[in-house]
N, C-alpha and C. Protein backbone atom coordinates (compact mmCIF):
# COMPACT_ATOMS: atom_id res chain seq x y z
N MET A 1 22.08 -16.42 2.12
CA MET A 1 22.64 -15.48 1.17
C MET A 1 22.24 -14.07 1.60
N ASN A 2 23.22 -13.26 1.84
CA ASN A 2 23.05 -11.91 2.34
C ASN A 2 22.77 -10.91 1.21
N LEU A 3 22.94 -11.30 -0.02
CA LEU A 3 22.81 -10.38 -1.14
C LEU A 3 21.37 -9.94 -1.39
N ALA A 4 20.42 -10.83 -1.26
CA ALA A 4 19.02 -10.50 -1.55
C ALA A 4 18.49 -9.38 -0.65
N PRO A 5 18.69 -9.42 0.67
CA PRO A 5 18.22 -8.30 1.49
C PRO A 5 18.94 -6.99 1.17
N TRP A 6 20.21 -7.07 0.77
CA TRP A 6 20.94 -5.85 0.38
C TRP A 6 20.31 -5.23 -0.86
N ILE A 7 20.02 -6.06 -1.85
CA ILE A 7 19.41 -5.57 -3.08
C ILE A 7 18.04 -4.98 -2.79
N ALA A 8 17.24 -5.70 -2.00
CA ALA A 8 15.90 -5.21 -1.67
C ALA A 8 15.99 -3.90 -0.90
N ALA A 9 16.89 -3.81 0.06
CA ALA A 9 17.04 -2.57 0.84
C ALA A 9 17.51 -1.43 -0.06
N GLY A 10 18.40 -1.73 -1.00
CA GLY A 10 18.87 -0.70 -1.92
C GLY A 10 17.77 -0.18 -2.82
N LEU A 11 16.96 -1.08 -3.35
CA LEU A 11 15.84 -0.65 -4.20
C LEU A 11 14.83 0.18 -3.40
N LEU A 12 14.55 -0.28 -2.20
CA LEU A 12 13.62 0.45 -1.34
C LEU A 12 14.19 1.82 -0.96
N ALA A 13 15.49 1.89 -0.74
CA ALA A 13 16.13 3.18 -0.42
C ALA A 13 16.00 4.15 -1.58
N VAL A 14 16.11 3.65 -2.81
CA VAL A 14 15.95 4.52 -3.98
C VAL A 14 14.51 5.05 -4.05
N VAL A 15 13.55 4.18 -3.77
CA VAL A 15 12.14 4.60 -3.76
C VAL A 15 11.93 5.66 -2.68
N ALA A 16 12.47 5.41 -1.48
CA ALA A 16 12.31 6.36 -0.38
C ALA A 16 12.99 7.69 -0.70
N LEU A 17 14.16 7.63 -1.29
CA LEU A 17 14.89 8.85 -1.64
C LEU A 17 14.12 9.66 -2.68
N THR A 18 13.61 8.99 -3.70
CA THR A 18 12.86 9.67 -4.74
C THR A 18 11.59 10.32 -4.18
N GLY A 19 10.83 9.54 -3.43
CA GLY A 19 9.61 10.09 -2.84
C GLY A 19 9.90 11.19 -1.83
N GLY A 20 10.95 11.01 -1.05
CA GLY A 20 11.31 12.00 -0.04
C GLY A 20 11.74 13.32 -0.63
N VAL A 21 12.54 13.26 -1.68
CA VAL A 21 12.97 14.50 -2.34
C VAL A 21 11.75 15.23 -2.92
N GLY A 22 10.87 14.48 -3.54
CA GLY A 22 9.67 15.10 -4.11
C GLY A 22 8.81 15.77 -3.05
N LYS A 23 8.54 15.06 -1.98
CA LYS A 23 7.67 15.61 -0.94
C LYS A 23 8.34 16.73 -0.15
N ALA A 24 9.64 16.63 0.05
CA ALA A 24 10.33 17.63 0.86
C ALA A 24 10.64 18.91 0.09
N PHE A 25 10.84 18.82 -1.21
CA PHE A 25 11.34 19.98 -1.95
C PHE A 25 10.43 20.49 -3.07
N VAL A 26 9.46 19.71 -3.50
CA VAL A 26 8.56 20.15 -4.56
C VAL A 26 7.34 20.82 -3.91
N PRO A 27 6.92 21.97 -4.43
CA PRO A 27 5.75 22.63 -3.84
C PRO A 27 4.51 21.73 -3.85
N LYS A 28 3.73 21.84 -2.79
CA LYS A 28 2.55 20.99 -2.61
C LYS A 28 1.59 21.09 -3.79
N GLU A 29 1.44 22.27 -4.36
CA GLU A 29 0.53 22.45 -5.48
C GLU A 29 0.98 21.65 -6.71
N LYS A 30 2.28 21.59 -6.91
CA LYS A 30 2.81 20.82 -8.03
C LYS A 30 2.63 19.32 -7.77
N LEU A 31 2.82 18.90 -6.53
CA LEU A 31 2.60 17.49 -6.18
C LEU A 31 1.14 17.10 -6.38
N ALA A 32 0.23 17.99 -6.03
CA ALA A 32 -1.20 17.69 -6.16
C ALA A 32 -1.60 17.47 -7.62
N ALA A 33 -0.88 18.10 -8.54
CA ALA A 33 -1.19 17.94 -9.96
C ALA A 33 -0.57 16.69 -10.57
N ALA A 34 0.38 16.08 -9.86
CA ALA A 34 1.07 14.89 -10.37
C ALA A 34 0.21 13.65 -10.17
N PRO A 35 0.43 12.61 -11.00
CA PRO A 35 -0.31 11.36 -10.81
C PRO A 35 -0.06 10.80 -9.41
N GLY A 36 -1.16 10.45 -8.73
CA GLY A 36 -1.06 9.91 -7.39
C GLY A 36 -0.87 10.94 -6.31
N GLY A 37 -0.81 12.20 -6.69
CA GLY A 37 -0.56 13.25 -5.71
C GLY A 37 -1.80 14.00 -5.27
N ALA A 38 -2.97 13.55 -5.69
CA ALA A 38 -4.21 14.25 -5.34
C ALA A 38 -4.40 14.34 -3.83
N TRP A 39 -3.88 13.39 -3.09
CA TRP A 39 -4.04 13.39 -1.64
C TRP A 39 -3.39 14.61 -0.99
N THR A 40 -2.38 15.19 -1.63
CA THR A 40 -1.69 16.32 -1.03
C THR A 40 -2.54 17.58 -1.02
N ALA A 41 -3.57 17.65 -1.86
CA ALA A 41 -4.44 18.83 -1.90
C ALA A 41 -5.15 19.03 -0.56
N GLY A 42 -5.48 17.94 0.10
CA GLY A 42 -6.18 18.02 1.39
C GLY A 42 -5.26 17.96 2.59
N ALA A 43 -3.96 17.89 2.37
CA ALA A 43 -3.00 17.80 3.47
C ALA A 43 -2.26 19.12 3.61
N GLY A 44 -1.83 19.40 4.82
CA GLY A 44 -1.06 20.62 5.05
C GLY A 44 0.34 20.50 4.46
N ALA A 45 0.90 21.63 4.08
CA ALA A 45 2.24 21.63 3.49
C ALA A 45 3.27 21.08 4.47
N GLY A 46 3.13 21.39 5.74
CA GLY A 46 4.06 20.88 6.75
C GLY A 46 4.00 19.37 6.87
N PHE A 47 2.79 18.83 6.78
CA PHE A 47 2.62 17.38 6.85
C PHE A 47 3.31 16.69 5.68
N VAL A 48 3.11 17.23 4.49
CA VAL A 48 3.72 16.65 3.28
C VAL A 48 5.24 16.72 3.38
N LYS A 49 5.76 17.85 3.82
CA LYS A 49 7.22 18.00 3.95
C LYS A 49 7.77 17.07 5.03
N THR A 50 7.02 16.90 6.13
CA THR A 50 7.44 15.98 7.18
C THR A 50 7.52 14.55 6.65
N LEU A 51 6.52 14.14 5.86
CA LEU A 51 6.58 12.81 5.24
C LEU A 51 7.81 12.69 4.35
N GLY A 52 8.12 13.75 3.62
CA GLY A 52 9.29 13.75 2.75
C GLY A 52 10.57 13.56 3.55
N VAL A 53 10.70 14.27 4.65
CA VAL A 53 11.89 14.14 5.50
C VAL A 53 11.97 12.74 6.08
N LEU A 54 10.84 12.19 6.50
CA LEU A 54 10.84 10.82 7.03
C LEU A 54 11.28 9.81 5.96
N GLU A 55 10.85 10.03 4.72
CA GLU A 55 11.27 9.15 3.65
C GLU A 55 12.76 9.29 3.36
N LEU A 56 13.29 10.50 3.45
CA LEU A 56 14.74 10.69 3.28
C LEU A 56 15.51 9.97 4.39
N LEU A 57 15.02 10.07 5.61
CA LEU A 57 15.65 9.36 6.73
C LEU A 57 15.56 7.84 6.54
N ALA A 58 14.44 7.39 5.99
CA ALA A 58 14.28 5.95 5.72
C ALA A 58 15.31 5.48 4.70
N ALA A 59 15.54 6.30 3.67
CA ALA A 59 16.55 5.93 2.66
C ALA A 59 17.91 5.74 3.32
N LEU A 60 18.25 6.62 4.23
CA LEU A 60 19.52 6.48 4.95
C LEU A 60 19.50 5.27 5.89
N GLY A 61 18.39 5.10 6.59
CA GLY A 61 18.28 4.02 7.57
C GLY A 61 18.26 2.63 6.98
N LEU A 62 17.92 2.52 5.71
CA LEU A 62 17.91 1.22 5.05
C LEU A 62 19.30 0.78 4.60
N ILE A 63 20.23 1.72 4.48
CA ILE A 63 21.54 1.40 3.93
C ILE A 63 22.68 1.64 4.93
N LEU A 64 22.75 2.84 5.48
CA LEU A 64 23.92 3.23 6.26
C LEU A 64 24.24 2.35 7.47
N PRO A 65 23.27 1.98 8.29
CA PRO A 65 23.64 1.18 9.47
C PRO A 65 24.33 -0.14 9.11
N ALA A 66 23.82 -0.83 8.12
CA ALA A 66 24.44 -2.10 7.72
C ALA A 66 25.76 -1.87 7.00
N ALA A 67 25.83 -0.81 6.20
CA ALA A 67 27.05 -0.54 5.44
C ALA A 67 28.20 -0.12 6.35
N THR A 68 27.89 0.62 7.41
CA THR A 68 28.94 1.07 8.32
C THR A 68 29.18 0.13 9.48
N GLY A 69 28.23 -0.76 9.73
CA GLY A 69 28.34 -1.66 10.87
C GLY A 69 27.98 -0.99 12.19
N ILE A 70 27.49 0.24 12.13
CA ILE A 70 27.08 0.97 13.32
C ILE A 70 25.58 0.80 13.51
N ALA A 71 25.20 0.12 14.55
CA ALA A 71 23.79 -0.14 14.87
C ALA A 71 23.03 -0.75 13.69
N PRO A 72 23.49 -1.88 13.16
CA PRO A 72 22.81 -2.47 12.00
C PRO A 72 21.37 -2.90 12.27
N VAL A 73 20.99 -2.99 13.53
CA VAL A 73 19.60 -3.33 13.84
C VAL A 73 18.64 -2.24 13.35
N LEU A 74 19.16 -1.06 13.05
CA LEU A 74 18.30 0.01 12.54
C LEU A 74 17.76 -0.28 11.14
N VAL A 75 18.41 -1.15 10.39
CA VAL A 75 17.91 -1.49 9.05
C VAL A 75 16.55 -2.18 9.14
N PRO A 76 16.40 -3.26 9.89
CA PRO A 76 15.07 -3.87 9.96
C PRO A 76 14.05 -3.00 10.69
N VAL A 77 14.51 -2.21 11.65
CA VAL A 77 13.58 -1.29 12.31
C VAL A 77 13.05 -0.28 11.30
N THR A 78 13.93 0.24 10.46
CA THR A 78 13.50 1.17 9.41
C THR A 78 12.55 0.48 8.44
N ALA A 79 12.83 -0.77 8.10
CA ALA A 79 11.95 -1.51 7.19
C ALA A 79 10.56 -1.70 7.80
N VAL A 80 10.49 -1.97 9.08
CA VAL A 80 9.19 -2.12 9.74
C VAL A 80 8.45 -0.77 9.72
N CYS A 81 9.18 0.31 9.96
CA CYS A 81 8.56 1.64 9.89
C CYS A 81 8.04 1.91 8.48
N TRP A 82 8.79 1.45 7.47
CA TRP A 82 8.35 1.63 6.09
C TRP A 82 7.07 0.83 5.83
N VAL A 83 6.96 -0.36 6.40
CA VAL A 83 5.73 -1.15 6.27
C VAL A 83 4.55 -0.34 6.81
N LEU A 84 4.73 0.26 7.98
CA LEU A 84 3.65 1.06 8.57
C LEU A 84 3.32 2.27 7.70
N LEU A 85 4.34 2.90 7.15
CA LEU A 85 4.12 4.03 6.26
C LEU A 85 3.33 3.61 5.03
N MET A 86 3.62 2.44 4.50
CA MET A 86 2.92 1.95 3.31
C MET A 86 1.47 1.59 3.63
N VAL A 87 1.20 1.12 4.83
CA VAL A 87 -0.19 0.87 5.22
C VAL A 87 -0.96 2.18 5.19
N GLY A 88 -0.37 3.23 5.75
CA GLY A 88 -1.00 4.55 5.70
C GLY A 88 -1.17 5.06 4.29
N ALA A 89 -0.16 4.83 3.45
CA ALA A 89 -0.24 5.27 2.05
C ALA A 89 -1.35 4.53 1.32
N MET A 90 -1.49 3.23 1.58
CA MET A 90 -2.55 2.47 0.92
C MET A 90 -3.92 2.96 1.35
N ILE A 91 -4.08 3.24 2.62
CA ILE A 91 -5.37 3.77 3.11
C ILE A 91 -5.67 5.10 2.43
N THR A 92 -4.66 5.95 2.34
CA THR A 92 -4.84 7.26 1.71
C THR A 92 -5.21 7.12 0.24
N HIS A 93 -4.54 6.23 -0.47
CA HIS A 93 -4.82 6.06 -1.90
C HIS A 93 -6.19 5.41 -2.13
N VAL A 94 -6.61 4.52 -1.24
CA VAL A 94 -7.96 3.95 -1.35
C VAL A 94 -8.99 5.06 -1.21
N ARG A 95 -8.78 5.94 -0.26
CA ARG A 95 -9.73 7.05 -0.04
C ARG A 95 -9.81 7.98 -1.25
N HIS A 96 -8.72 8.06 -2.01
CA HIS A 96 -8.71 8.94 -3.17
C HIS A 96 -8.92 8.19 -4.49
N GLY A 97 -9.25 6.91 -4.40
CA GLY A 97 -9.58 6.13 -5.58
C GLY A 97 -8.40 5.84 -6.51
N SER A 98 -7.22 5.72 -5.96
CA SER A 98 -6.02 5.45 -6.77
C SER A 98 -5.59 3.99 -6.60
N ALA A 99 -6.35 3.09 -7.21
CA ALA A 99 -6.10 1.66 -7.02
C ALA A 99 -4.71 1.24 -7.49
N GLY A 100 -4.23 1.84 -8.56
CA GLY A 100 -2.90 1.49 -9.06
C GLY A 100 -1.81 1.81 -8.05
N PHE A 101 -1.97 2.92 -7.35
CA PHE A 101 -0.98 3.28 -6.34
C PHE A 101 -1.10 2.40 -5.10
N VAL A 102 -2.29 1.91 -4.82
CA VAL A 102 -2.46 0.96 -3.71
C VAL A 102 -1.65 -0.29 -4.02
N ALA A 103 -1.73 -0.78 -5.24
CA ALA A 103 -0.98 -1.97 -5.63
C ALA A 103 0.53 -1.71 -5.55
N LEU A 104 0.96 -0.55 -5.98
CA LEU A 104 2.38 -0.20 -5.92
C LEU A 104 2.86 -0.13 -4.47
N ASN A 105 2.05 0.48 -3.60
CA ASN A 105 2.40 0.54 -2.19
C ASN A 105 2.45 -0.85 -1.57
N LEU A 106 1.60 -1.75 -2.04
CA LEU A 106 1.63 -3.13 -1.54
C LEU A 106 2.94 -3.82 -1.93
N VAL A 107 3.43 -3.54 -3.12
CA VAL A 107 4.73 -4.09 -3.54
C VAL A 107 5.84 -3.55 -2.64
N TYR A 108 5.83 -2.24 -2.40
CA TYR A 108 6.84 -1.64 -1.52
C TYR A 108 6.75 -2.22 -0.11
N LEU A 109 5.53 -2.44 0.36
CA LEU A 109 5.32 -3.05 1.67
C LEU A 109 5.93 -4.44 1.71
N ALA A 110 5.71 -5.23 0.68
CA ALA A 110 6.24 -6.59 0.63
C ALA A 110 7.77 -6.59 0.62
N VAL A 111 8.36 -5.67 -0.13
CA VAL A 111 9.83 -5.57 -0.17
C VAL A 111 10.36 -5.19 1.21
N ALA A 112 9.71 -4.24 1.86
CA ALA A 112 10.13 -3.82 3.19
C ALA A 112 9.98 -4.96 4.20
N ALA A 113 8.90 -5.72 4.09
CA ALA A 113 8.70 -6.86 4.98
C ALA A 113 9.81 -7.90 4.76
N PHE A 114 10.21 -8.10 3.52
CA PHE A 114 11.31 -9.03 3.23
C PHE A 114 12.61 -8.54 3.85
N VAL A 115 12.88 -7.24 3.74
CA VAL A 115 14.10 -6.68 4.33
C VAL A 115 14.06 -6.87 5.85
N ALA A 116 12.93 -6.55 6.46
CA ALA A 116 12.80 -6.70 7.92
C ALA A 116 13.00 -8.16 8.33
N TRP A 117 12.33 -9.06 7.63
CA TRP A 117 12.46 -10.48 7.94
C TRP A 117 13.90 -10.94 7.75
N GLY A 118 14.50 -10.53 6.64
CA GLY A 118 15.87 -10.96 6.35
C GLY A 118 16.87 -10.43 7.35
N ARG A 119 16.71 -9.20 7.77
CA ARG A 119 17.66 -8.59 8.70
C ARG A 119 17.43 -8.98 10.14
N PHE A 120 16.16 -9.23 10.52
CA PHE A 120 15.88 -9.70 11.86
C PHE A 120 16.14 -11.19 11.99
N GLY A 121 15.99 -11.93 10.88
CA GLY A 121 16.06 -13.37 10.93
C GLY A 121 17.32 -13.96 10.34
N PRO A 122 17.18 -14.62 9.19
CA PRO A 122 18.28 -15.44 8.67
C PRO A 122 19.50 -14.68 8.16
N PHE A 123 19.36 -13.41 7.81
CA PHE A 123 20.48 -12.67 7.23
C PHE A 123 20.87 -11.53 8.16
N THR A 124 21.20 -11.81 9.37
CA THR A 124 21.41 -10.77 10.37
C THR A 124 22.74 -10.04 10.25
N ALA A 125 23.49 -10.26 9.21
CA ALA A 125 24.76 -9.55 9.06
C ALA A 125 24.57 -8.26 8.33
């Protein structure tokens, strides 16, 4: 069934789009005051914006290649990159004592791993 990886990729794309817009366009000081955003206080503004742009690209990479049929292998590659991003996010949140966000990142990691597995393996369409 090809529907489950599509739904998972769509949900993950919404998460990436939301996070990417926030990091790319919201001032770093405002992000630092938001729940889970304390890590941005110690990061450079360019780094935060770069993460935001990468998340925006991930949102596109999770949907467009499969939807257009152009290089659909980019969907699982993007999902694997998202897994790596979530590992970094979990490390960052552990360092800042945000256990709830570590758990949330673990959920996102699991969804991305499912998308990667589904697109590389049984649901390659």
